[in-house]
């Protein structure tokens, strides 16, 4: 299994056996239920669909209710897919816990960043702003964004004022400090995107060693 679904609990400090202090984010990771096993032959790729947090059946649509009944599992509030090895024997109804991260040194965490509302270019993109002198009239404006007669348009992707935050963010290579299986808790060094209580997806780091040396 490559990952798990969880929620951000908050930040705290812990110490290892040598007395080194770590600023960590606590994540409630799982337990998750395997709702569907996708295979190369049937679906064109290998993956598992995990469910997190039980959901009342009356809150689901008829197709959703049928999806869970076919798998023979309790309805789940959150569904996410994770890659899995083709020879994996994982099947619907299996339980996935945080214990899979025992011995894993680094993880990647995917979450939705905090929404900051509508912001100007200075806050949103770090622009320097215009002249601060009296009468300039453009202290916090982006400046000219116009083009010449050709192409006579503003290119797509131009940095402009707009909605800041509330985007999918992946933070890579966070060190795993502790795995507390009895509490379904994963402690990782550093900050994690999103607010307290926000949904996160934790997966094994793709740019770091898979096991501790």
C-alpha atoms as a PDB file:
ATOM      1  CA  UNK A   1       0.000   0.000   0.000  1.00  0.00           C
ATOM      2  CA  UNK A   2       1.310   3.410  -0.950  1.00  0.00           C
ATOM      3  CA  UNK A   3      -0.688   5.743   1.324  1.00  0.00           C
ATOM      4  CA  UNK A   4      -3.530   6.519   3.679  1.00  0.00           C
ATOM      5  CA  UNK A   5      -6.187   9.196   4.320  1.00  0.00           C
ATOM      6  CA  UNK A   6      -6.208  11.288   7.492  1.00  0.00           C
ATOM      7  CA  UNK A   7      -6.903  14.618   9.138  1.00  0.00           C
ATOM      8  CA  UNK A   8      -4.561  17.282  10.441  1.00  0.00           C
ATOM      9  CA  UNK A   9      -4.818  17.497  14.243  1.00  0.00           C
ATOM     10  CA  UNK A  10      -2.323  20.295  14.955  1.00  0.00           C
ATOM     11  CA  UNK A  11       1.306  20.937  15.884  1.00  0.00           C
ATOM     12  CA  UNK A  12       3.318  20.118  18.993  1.00  0.00           C
ATOM     13  CA  UNK A  13       6.841  19.235  20.135  1.00  0.00           C
ATOM     14  CA  UNK A  14       8.335  15.820  20.856  1.00  0.00           C
ATOM     15  CA  UNK A  15      11.772  14.559  21.870  1.00  0.00           C
ATOM     16  CA  UNK A  16      13.620  11.473  20.670  1.00  0.00           C
ATOM     17  CA  UNK A  17      15.776   9.150  22.757  1.00  0.00           C
ATOM     18  CA  UNK A  18      18.787  11.469  22.399  1.00  0.00           C
ATOM     19  CA  UNK A  19      16.852  14.494  23.650  1.00  0.00           C
ATOM     20  CA  UNK A  20      16.585  16.135  20.222  1.00  0.00           C
ATOM     21  CA  UNK A  21      13.492  18.310  19.936  1.00  0.00           C
ATOM     22  CA  UNK A  22      11.237  18.092  16.882  1.00  0.00           C
ATOM     23  CA  UNK A  23       8.439  20.449  15.896  1.00  0.00           C
ATOM     24  CA  UNK A  24       5.870  18.064  14.483  1.00  0.00           C
ATOM     25  CA  UNK A  25       2.432  18.004  12.920  1.00  0.00           C
ATOM     26  CA  UNK A  26       0.106  15.339  14.303  1.00  0.00           C
ATOM     27  CA  UNK A  27      -2.026  13.554  11.721  1.00  0.00           C
ATOM     28  CA  UNK A  28      -4.907  11.210  12.499  1.00  0.00           C
ATOM     29  CA  UNK A  29      -4.098   8.633   9.809  1.00  0.00           C
ATOM     30  CA  UNK A  30      -6.833   6.063   9.255  1.00  0.00           C
ATOM     31  CA  UNK A  31      -7.957   3.488   9.835  1.00  0.00           C
ATOM     32  CA  UNK A  32      -9.207   3.252   6.274  1.00  0.00           C
ATOM     33  CA  UNK A  33     -11.295   0.609   4.552  1.00  0.00           C
ATOM     34  CA  UNK A  34     -10.536  -0.725   1.083  1.00  0.00           C
ATOM     35  CA  UNK A  35     -13.700  -0.058  -0.927  1.00  0.00           C
ATOM     36  CA  UNK A  36     -12.484  -1.137  -4.366  1.00  0.00           C
ATOM     37  CA  UNK A  37      -9.471  -2.881  -5.885  1.00  0.00           C
ATOM     38  CA  UNK A  38      -8.780  -1.712  -9.425  1.00  0.00           C
ATOM     39  CA  UNK A  39      -6.741  -3.922 -11.751  1.00  0.00           C
ATOM     40  CA  UNK A  40      -4.958  -3.533 -15.061  1.00  0.00           C
ATOM     41  CA  UNK A  41      -7.209  -6.095 -16.739  1.00  0.00           C
ATOM     42  CA  UNK A  42     -10.535  -4.539 -15.697  1.00  0.00           C
ATOM     43  CA  UNK A  43      -9.760  -0.837 -15.193  1.00  0.00           C
ATOM     44  CA  UNK A  44      -6.549  -0.233 -17.120  1.00  0.00           C
ATOM     45  CA  UNK A  45      -4.406   0.473 -14.060  1.00  0.00           C
ATOM     46  CA  UNK A  46      -3.647  -0.900 -10.594  1.00  0.00           C
ATOM     47  CA  UNK A  47      -4.933   1.032  -7.576  1.00  0.00           C
ATOM     48  CA  UNK A  48      -7.038   0.774  -4.453  1.00  0.00           C
ATOM     49  CA  UNK A  49      -9.901   3.035  -3.444  1.00  0.00           C
ATOM     50  CA  UNK A  50      -9.780   3.781   0.278  1.00  0.00           C
ATOM     51  CA  UNK A  51     -12.654   5.044   2.408  1.00  0.00           C
ATOM     52  CA  UNK A  52     -12.236   7.187   5.520  1.00  0.00           C
ATOM     53  CA  UNK A  53     -14.744   8.062   8.266  1.00  0.00           C
ATOM     54  CA  UNK A  54     -18.126   6.266   8.372  1.00  0.00           C
ATOM     55  CA  UNK A  55     -21.058   7.997   6.695  1.00  0.00           C
ATOM     56  CA  UNK A  56     -24.811   7.681   7.242  1.00  0.00           C
ATOM     57  CA  UNK A  57     -26.390   5.714   4.395  1.00  0.00           C
ATOM     58  CA  UNK A  58     -29.296   8.159   4.018  1.00  0.00           C
ATOM     59  CA  UNK A  59     -26.817  10.877   3.049  1.00  0.00           C
ATOM     60  CA  UNK A  60     -25.702   8.923  -0.011  1.00  0.00           C
ATOM     61  CA  UNK A  61     -27.185   8.740  -3.490  1.00  0.00           C
ATOM     62  CA  UNK A  62     -28.537   5.434  -4.773  1.00  0.00           C
ATOM     63  CA  UNK A  63     -25.449   4.786  -6.958  1.00  0.00           C
ATOM     64  CA  UNK A  64     -23.169   5.507  -3.996  1.00  0.00           C
ATOM     65  CA  UNK A  65     -25.155   3.142  -1.773  1.00  0.00           C
ATOM     66  CA  UNK A  66     -24.837   0.448  -4.438  1.00  0.00           C
ATOM     67  CA  UNK A  67     -21.086   1.026  -4.671  1.00  0.00           C
ATOM     68  CA  UNK A  68     -20.588   0.319  -0.974  1.00  0.00           C
ATOM     69  CA  UNK A  69     -23.041  -2.604  -0.920  1.00  0.00           C
ATOM     70  CA  UNK A  70     -21.180  -4.257  -3.795  1.00  0.00           C
ATOM     71  CA  UNK A  71     -17.951  -3.983  -1.795  1.00  0.00           C
ATOM     72  CA  UNK A  72     -19.667  -5.207   1.355  1.00  0.00           C
ATOM     73  CA  UNK A  73     -18.341  -2.350   3.472  1.00  0.00           C
ATOM     74  CA  UNK A  74     -19.813   0.376   5.655  1.00  0.00           C
ATOM     75  CA  UNK A  75     -20.485   3.651   3.748  1.00  0.00           C
ATOM     76  CA  UNK A  76     -17.546   6.033   3.973  1.00  0.00           C
ATOM     77  CA  UNK A  77     -17.483   9.828   3.929  1.00  0.00           C
ATOM     78  CA  UNK A  78     -14.213  10.273   2.006  1.00  0.00           C
ATOM     79  CA  UNK A  79     -12.949   8.217  -0.958  1.00  0.00           C
ATOM     80  CA  UNK A  80      -9.451   8.483  -2.427  1.00  0.00           C
ATOM     81  CA  UNK A  81      -7.305   6.333  -4.706  1.00  0.00           C
ATOM     82  CA  UNK A  82      -3.729   5.223  -4.124  1.00  0.00           C
ATOM     83  CA  UNK A  83      -1.301   3.312  -6.322  1.00  0.00           C
ATOM     84  CA  UNK A  84      -0.654  -0.315  -5.494  1.00  0.00           C
ATOM     85  CA  UNK A  85       1.677  -2.990  -6.836  1.00  0.00           C
ATOM     86  CA  UNK A  86       0.108  -5.258  -9.501  1.00  0.00           C
ATOM     87  CA  UNK A  87       0.821  -8.370  -7.418  1.00  0.00           C
ATOM     88  CA  UNK A  88      -0.790  -6.915  -4.276  1.00  0.00           C
ATOM     89  CA  UNK A  89      -3.409  -9.184  -2.692  1.00  0.00           C
ATOM     90  CA  UNK A  90      -5.350  -6.243  -1.229  1.00  0.00           C
ATOM     91  CA  UNK A  91      -9.101  -6.687  -1.631  1.00  0.00           C
ATOM     92  CA  UNK A  92     -12.326  -4.884  -0.760  1.00  0.00           C
ATOM     93  CA  UNK A  93     -13.059  -4.967   2.953  1.00  0.00           C
ATOM     94  CA  UNK A  94      -9.416  -4.949   4.091  1.00  0.00           C
ATOM     95  CA  UNK A  95      -8.401  -2.399   6.707  1.00  0.00           C
ATOM     96  CA  UNK A  96      -5.435  -0.089   6.215  1.00  0.00           C
ATOM     97  CA  UNK A  97      -3.784   1.425   9.281  1.00  0.00           C
ATOM     98  CA  UNK A  98      -0.951   3.815  10.051  1.00  0.00           C
ATOM     99  CA  UNK A  99       1.216   0.808  10.947  1.00  0.00           C
ATOM    100  CA  UNK A 100       2.267   0.605   7.275  1.00  0.00           C
ATOM    101  CA  UNK A 101       4.526   3.618   7.877  1.00  0.00           C
ATOM    102  CA  UNK A 102       6.670   1.788  10.452  1.00  0.00           C
ATOM    103  CA  UNK A 103      10.222   2.015   9.132  1.00  0.00           C
ATOM    104  CA  UNK A 104       9.308   4.601   6.463  1.00  0.00           C
ATOM    105  CA  UNK A 105      11.670   7.596   6.830  1.00  0.00           C
ATOM    106  CA  UNK A 106       9.899  10.216   4.685  1.00  0.00           C
ATOM    107  CA  UNK A 107       6.395  10.904   3.393  1.00  0.00           C
ATOM    108  CA  UNK A 108       4.675  13.258   0.971  1.00  0.00           C
ATOM    109  CA  UNK A 109       1.468  14.935   2.135  1.00  0.00           C
ATOM    110  CA  UNK A 110      -1.272  16.233  -0.167  1.00  0.00           C
ATOM    111  CA  UNK A 111      -3.802  18.692   1.248  1.00  0.00           C
ATOM    112  CA  UNK A 112      -5.835  21.792   0.413  1.00  0.00           C
ATOM    113  CA  UNK A 113      -4.185  25.013   1.535  1.00  0.00           C
ATOM    114  CA  UNK A 114      -5.984  27.605   3.646  1.00  0.00           C
ATOM    115  CA  UNK A 115      -8.185  29.971   1.672  1.00  0.00           C
ATOM    116  CA  UNK A 116      -7.118  33.628   1.912  1.00  0.00           C
ATOM    117  CA  UNK A 117      -9.886  35.222  -0.115  1.00  0.00           C
ATOM    118  CA  UNK A 118      -9.325  37.870  -2.788  1.00  0.00           C
ATOM    119  CA  UNK A 119      -5.822  39.368  -2.590  1.00  0.00           C
ATOM    120  CA  UNK A 120      -3.799  41.854  -4.584  1.00  0.00           C
ATOM    121  CA  UNK A 121      -0.564  41.119  -6.409  1.00  0.00           C
ATOM    122  CA  UNK A 122       1.695  42.267  -3.575  1.00  0.00           C
ATOM    123  CA  UNK A 123       0.351  39.715  -1.124  1.00  0.00           C
ATOM    124  CA  UNK A 124      -0.590  37.019  -3.612  1.00  0.00           C
ATOM    125  CA  UNK A 125       2.567  37.040  -5.728  1.00  0.00           C
ATOM    126  CA  UNK A 126       5.066  39.131  -3.768  1.00  0.00           C
ATOM    127  CA  UNK A 127       5.176  42.099  -6.167  1.00  0.00           C
ATOM    128  CA  UNK A 128       7.173  45.098  -5.018  1.00  0.00           C
ATOM    129  CA  UNK A 129       4.428  47.614  -5.790  1.00  0.00           C
ATOM    130  CA  UNK A 130       4.700  51.042  -7.333  1.00  0.00           C
ATOM    131  CA  UNK A 131       6.358  54.224  -6.105  1.00  0.00           C
ATOM    132  CA  UNK A 132       5.556  55.181  -2.523  1.00  0.00           C
ATOM    133  CA  UNK A 133       5.793  58.896  -3.277  1.00  0.00           C
ATOM    134  CA  UNK A 134       2.849  61.246  -2.850  1.00  0.00           C
ATOM    135  CA  UNK A 135       0.506  61.356  -5.803  1.00  0.00           C
ATOM    136  CA  UNK A 136       1.711  58.276  -7.655  1.00  0.00           C
ATOM    137  CA  UNK A 137      -1.724  56.608  -7.443  1.00  0.00           C
ATOM    138  CA  UNK A 138      -0.277  53.121  -7.952  1.00  0.00           C
ATOM    139  CA  UNK A 139       1.213  52.103  -4.635  1.00  0.00           C
ATOM    140  CA  UNK A 140      -0.010  48.492  -4.694  1.00  0.00           C
ATOM    141  CA  UNK A 141      -0.963  48.015  -8.322  1.00  0.00           C
ATOM    142  CA  UNK A 142       0.690  45.481 -10.659  1.00  0.00           C
ATOM    143  CA  UNK A 143       1.641  48.059 -13.268  1.00  0.00           C
ATOM    144  CA  UNK A 144       1.046  47.788 -16.990  1.00  0.00           C
ATOM    145  CA  UNK A 145      -0.078  44.404 -18.282  1.00  0.00           C
ATOM    146  CA  UNK A 146      -0.896  45.552 -21.806  1.00  0.00           C
ATOM    147  CA  UNK A 147       0.665  44.340 -25.050  1.00  0.00           C
ATOM    148  CA  UNK A 148       1.552  46.019 -28.301  1.00  0.00           C
ATOM    149  CA  UNK A 149      -0.638  45.883 -31.368  1.00  0.00           C
ATOM    150  CA  UNK A 150       0.578  42.321 -31.823  1.00  0.00           C
ATOM    151  CA  UNK A 151      -0.519  40.089 -30.007  1.00  0.00           C
ATOM    152  CA  UNK A 152      -2.806  42.745 -28.424  1.00  0.00           C
ATOM    153  CA  UNK A 153      -3.920  40.566 -25.527  1.00  0.00           C
ATOM    154  CA  UNK A 154      -2.978  39.511 -22.006  1.00  0.00           C
ATOM    155  CA  UNK A 155      -1.298  36.128 -21.930  1.00  0.00           C
ATOM    156  CA  UNK A 156      -2.980  33.332 -19.984  1.00  0.00           C
ATOM    157  CA  UNK A 157      -1.302  32.753 -16.633  1.00  0.00           C
ATOM    158  CA  UNK A 158      -0.369  36.389 -16.054  1.00  0.00           C
ATOM    159  CA  UNK A 159       0.056  37.090 -12.333  1.00  0.00           C
ATOM    160  CA  UNK A 160      -2.901  39.238 -11.330  1.00  0.00           C
ATOM    161  CA  UNK A 161      -5.092  39.881  -8.271  1.00  0.00           C
ATOM    162  CA  UNK A 162      -7.472  37.050  -7.433  1.00  0.00           C
ATOM    163  CA  UNK A 163      -8.417  34.233  -5.089  1.00  0.00           C
ATOM    164  CA  UNK A 164      -5.442  33.231  -2.944  1.00  0.00           C
ATOM    165  CA  UNK A 165      -5.073  29.783  -1.399  1.00  0.00           C
ATOM    166  CA  UNK A 166      -7.653  26.975  -1.297  1.00  0.00           C
ATOM    167  CA  UNK A 167      -5.510  24.982  -3.718  1.00  0.00           C
ATOM    168  CA  UNK A 168      -4.211  21.424  -3.790  1.00  0.00           C
ATOM    169  CA  UNK A 169      -0.698  21.482  -2.334  1.00  0.00           C
ATOM    170  CA  UNK A 170       1.851  18.668  -2.054  1.00  0.00           C
ATOM    171  CA  UNK A 171       4.567  18.982   0.599  1.00  0.00           C
ATOM    172  CA  UNK A 172       7.344  16.515  -0.114  1.00  0.00           C
ATOM    173  CA  UNK A 173       9.942  14.713   1.972  1.00  0.00           C
ATOM    174  CA  UNK A 174       8.565  15.304   5.471  1.00  0.00           C
ATOM    175  CA  UNK A 175      10.468  13.253   8.028  1.00  0.00           C
ATOM    176  CA  UNK A 176       8.457  10.661   9.959  1.00  0.00           C
ATOM    177  CA  UNK A 177       9.271  11.231  13.639  1.00  0.00           C
ATOM    178  CA  UNK A 178       6.863   8.792  15.291  1.00  0.00           C
ATOM    179  CA  UNK A 179       4.210   6.264  14.325  1.00  0.00           C
ATOM    180  CA  UNK A 180       1.671   5.677  17.111  1.00  0.00           C
ATOM    181  CA  UNK A 181      -0.424   2.754  15.954  1.00  0.00           C
ATOM    182  CA  UNK A 182      -2.579   2.564  19.089  1.00  0.00           C
ATOM    183  CA  UNK A 183      -3.673   6.182  18.541  1.00  0.00           C
ATOM    184  CA  UNK A 184      -3.856   6.036  14.708  1.00  0.00           C
ATOM    185  CA  UNK A 185      -1.412   8.952  14.792  1.00  0.00           C
ATOM    186  CA  UNK A 186       1.463   9.883  12.513  1.00  0.00           C
ATOM    187  CA  UNK A 187       3.907  12.587  13.633  1.00  0.00           C
ATOM    188  CA  UNK A 188       5.886  14.299  10.866  1.00  0.00           C
ATOM    189  CA  UNK A 189       8.487  17.010  11.208  1.00  0.00           C
ATOM    190  CA  UNK A 190       7.467  20.465  10.010  1.00  0.00           C
ATOM    191  CA  UNK A 191       4.245  22.044   8.810  1.00  0.00           C
ATOM    192  CA  UNK A 192       1.470  20.495   6.738  1.00  0.00           C
ATOM    193  CA  UNK A 193      -0.806  22.472   4.377  1.00  0.00           C
ATOM    194  CA  UNK A 194      -4.359  23.317   5.380  1.00  0.00           C
ATOM    195  CA  UNK A 195      -6.280  24.166   8.549  1.00  0.00           C
ATOM    196  CA  UNK A 196      -6.603  22.074  11.701  1.00  0.00           C
ATOM    197  CA  UNK A 197      -9.140  19.361  10.949  1.00  0.00           C
ATOM    198  CA  UNK A 198      -8.400  19.522   7.236  1.00  0.00           C
ATOM    199  CA  UNK A 199      -8.321  16.380   5.124  1.00  0.00           C
ATOM    200  CA  UNK A 200      -4.871  15.097   4.088  1.00  0.00           C
ATOM    201  CA  UNK A 201      -3.502  12.243   1.998  1.00  0.00           C
ATOM    202  CA  UNK A 202      -0.254  10.717   3.218  1.00  0.00           C
ATOM    203  CA  UNK A 203       1.887   8.652   0.878  1.00  0.00           C
ATOM    204  CA  UNK A 204       5.401   7.291   0.919  1.00  0.00           C
ATOM    205  CA  UNK A 205       7.911   9.812  -0.447  1.00  0.00           C
ATOM    206  CA  UNK A 206       8.823   9.308  -4.088  1.00  0.00           C
ATOM    207  CA  UNK A 207      12.106  11.250  -3.970  1.00  0.00           C
ATOM    208  CA  UNK A 208      13.578   9.737  -0.791  1.00  0.00           C
ATOM    209  CA  UNK A 209      14.661   6.239   0.290  1.00  0.00           C
ATOM    210  CA  UNK A 210      11.740   3.885   0.971  1.00  0.00           C
ATOM    211  CA  UNK A 211      13.240   2.458   4.186  1.00  0.00           C
ATOM    212  CA  UNK A 212      15.424   3.787   6.985  1.00  0.00           C
ATOM    213  CA  UNK A 213      19.102   3.111   6.501  1.00  0.00           C
END
